[in-house]
């Protein structure tokens, strides 16, 4: 894994869960979220890694969806194409306007970092 979505991890740390299983699911999804908030990990793999029963993980996912911690998409991933893809809330992946403006300025050469003194 080369990319870590730190916004998602920080969000997961502060999210109030009701059970340890919900916490495990939330952290697994946050750890594996891409830069757009999409995340997937199979129920059986989460259960195996956190020493939980598959049905416990499934119940935790349902409870978190019901509380709108994340949403289910129509996408599927995995080697068999059966693993459901979820999406974390926008707070975990939307770039702030200030950051976006800064990036645009750097790209167009308007950033103070791109201004060089004139040499005689």
Protein backbone atom coordinates (compact mmCIF):
# COMPACT_ATOMS: atom_id res chain seq x y z
CA UNK A 1 0.00 0.00 0.00
CA UNK A 2 1.62 3.23 -1.10
CA UNK A 3 -1.13 5.80 -0.48
CA UNK A 4 -2.59 6.64 2.91
CA UNK A 5 -5.58 8.95 3.18
CA UNK A 6 -4.71 10.75 6.42
CA UNK A 7 -7.91 12.78 6.31
CA UNK A 8 -9.88 9.52 6.42
CA UNK A 9 -7.80 8.15 9.28
CA UNK A 10 -8.20 11.31 11.35
CA UNK A 11 -11.92 11.31 10.67
CA UNK A 12 -12.21 7.66 11.75
CA UNK A 13 -10.30 8.37 14.97
CA UNK A 14 -12.85 10.99 15.96
CA UNK A 15 -15.97 9.11 14.86
CA UNK A 16 -18.13 7.82 17.72
CA UNK A 17 -18.76 4.11 17.25
CA UNK A 18 -21.07 1.97 19.37
CA UNK A 19 -19.19 -1.33 19.27
CA UNK A 20 -15.60 -2.50 18.84
CA UNK A 21 -16.65 -4.20 15.59
CA UNK A 22 -17.86 -0.88 14.19
CA UNK A 23 -14.53 0.67 15.15
CA UNK A 24 -12.65 -2.12 13.39
CA UNK A 25 -14.71 -1.71 10.20
CA UNK A 26 -14.33 2.05 10.23
CA UNK A 27 -10.56 1.86 10.64
CA UNK A 28 -10.17 -0.78 7.93
CA UNK A 29 -12.19 1.31 5.50
CA UNK A 30 -10.29 4.50 6.41
CA UNK A 31 -6.90 2.80 6.11
CA UNK A 32 -7.73 1.52 2.64
CA UNK A 33 -9.57 4.61 1.33
CA UNK A 34 -8.24 6.15 -1.85
CA UNK A 35 -7.87 9.90 -2.45
CA UNK A 36 -11.55 10.12 -3.47
CA UNK A 37 -12.91 8.28 -0.43
CA UNK A 38 -13.62 4.97 -2.16
CA UNK A 39 -12.77 1.96 -0.06
CA UNK A 40 -13.28 -1.77 -0.10
CA UNK A 41 -12.25 -4.73 1.92
CA UNK A 42 -14.07 -8.03 2.15
CA UNK A 43 -16.10 -8.92 5.20
CA UNK A 44 -14.18 -12.16 5.64
CA UNK A 45 -10.83 -10.39 5.52
CA UNK A 46 -11.88 -7.78 8.12
CA UNK A 47 -13.25 -10.57 10.32
CA UNK A 48 -10.04 -12.58 10.01
CA UNK A 49 -7.72 -9.63 10.70
CA UNK A 50 -9.70 -8.37 13.71
CA UNK A 51 -10.65 -11.83 15.08
CA UNK A 52 -14.37 -11.27 14.59
CA UNK A 53 -17.16 -13.37 13.15
CA UNK A 54 -18.28 -12.55 9.59
CA UNK A 55 -21.82 -11.82 10.75
CA UNK A 56 -20.51 -9.39 13.39
CA UNK A 57 -18.66 -7.45 10.69
CA UNK A 58 -21.74 -7.46 8.45
CA UNK A 59 -23.90 -6.10 11.29
CA UNK A 60 -21.30 -3.39 11.98
CA UNK A 61 -21.28 -2.33 8.32
CA UNK A 62 -25.09 -2.17 8.25
CA UNK A 63 -25.16 -0.09 11.46
CA UNK A 64 -22.55 2.35 10.13
CA UNK A 65 -24.41 2.73 6.83
CA UNK A 66 -27.64 3.36 8.73
CA UNK A 67 -25.90 6.14 10.71
CA UNK A 68 -24.43 7.45 7.42
CA UNK A 69 -20.81 6.95 8.41
CA UNK A 70 -20.27 5.87 4.80
CA UNK A 71 -22.38 4.77 1.87
CA UNK A 72 -22.51 1.74 -0.35
CA UNK A 73 -21.79 2.25 -4.05
CA UNK A 74 -22.79 0.14 -7.03
CA UNK A 75 -19.13 -0.65 -7.72
CA UNK A 76 -17.44 -3.98 -7.03
CA UNK A 77 -13.74 -4.78 -6.68
CA UNK A 78 -11.47 -7.63 -5.71
CA UNK A 79 -10.11 -10.56 -7.69
CA UNK A 80 -13.57 -12.04 -8.10
CA UNK A 81 -15.37 -8.70 -8.49
CA UNK A 82 -17.61 -9.46 -5.54
CA UNK A 83 -16.27 -7.07 -2.89
CA UNK A 84 -18.62 -4.12 -2.37
CA UNK A 85 -17.08 -0.66 -2.69
CA UNK A 86 -18.07 1.97 -0.12
CA UNK A 87 -17.50 5.70 -0.07
CA UNK A 88 -16.52 7.69 2.97
CA UNK A 89 -18.02 11.15 3.60
CA UNK A 90 -16.72 14.17 1.68
CA UNK A 91 -14.83 15.45 4.71
CA UNK A 92 -12.37 12.59 4.17
CA UNK A 93 -11.56 13.46 0.58
CA UNK A 94 -12.67 16.93 -0.53
CA UNK A 95 -9.79 19.37 -0.94
CA UNK A 96 -10.47 22.73 0.65
CA UNK A 97 -10.95 25.75 -1.62
CA UNK A 98 -7.78 27.36 -0.27
CA UNK A 99 -5.72 24.27 -1.15
CA UNK A 100 -7.27 24.08 -4.60
CA UNK A 101 -6.53 27.78 -5.26
CA UNK A 102 -2.95 27.28 -4.10
CA UNK A 103 -2.51 24.30 -6.41
CA UNK A 104 -3.93 26.25 -9.37
CA UNK A 105 -1.59 29.18 -8.65
CA UNK A 106 1.44 26.90 -8.57
CA UNK A 107 0.45 25.23 -11.81
CA UNK A 108 -0.02 28.58 -13.59
CA UNK A 109 3.26 29.95 -12.21
CA UNK A 110 1.59 32.61 -10.06
CA UNK A 111 2.68 31.17 -6.72
CA UNK A 112 5.22 33.14 -4.65
CA UNK A 113 7.31 29.96 -4.73
CA UNK A 114 7.68 30.40 -8.48
CA UNK A 115 8.87 34.02 -8.38
CA UNK A 116 12.63 34.32 -8.77
CA UNK A 117 14.65 37.49 -8.25
CA UNK A 118 16.00 39.17 -11.39
CA UNK A 119 19.73 38.82 -11.66
CA UNK A 120 21.92 41.46 -13.31
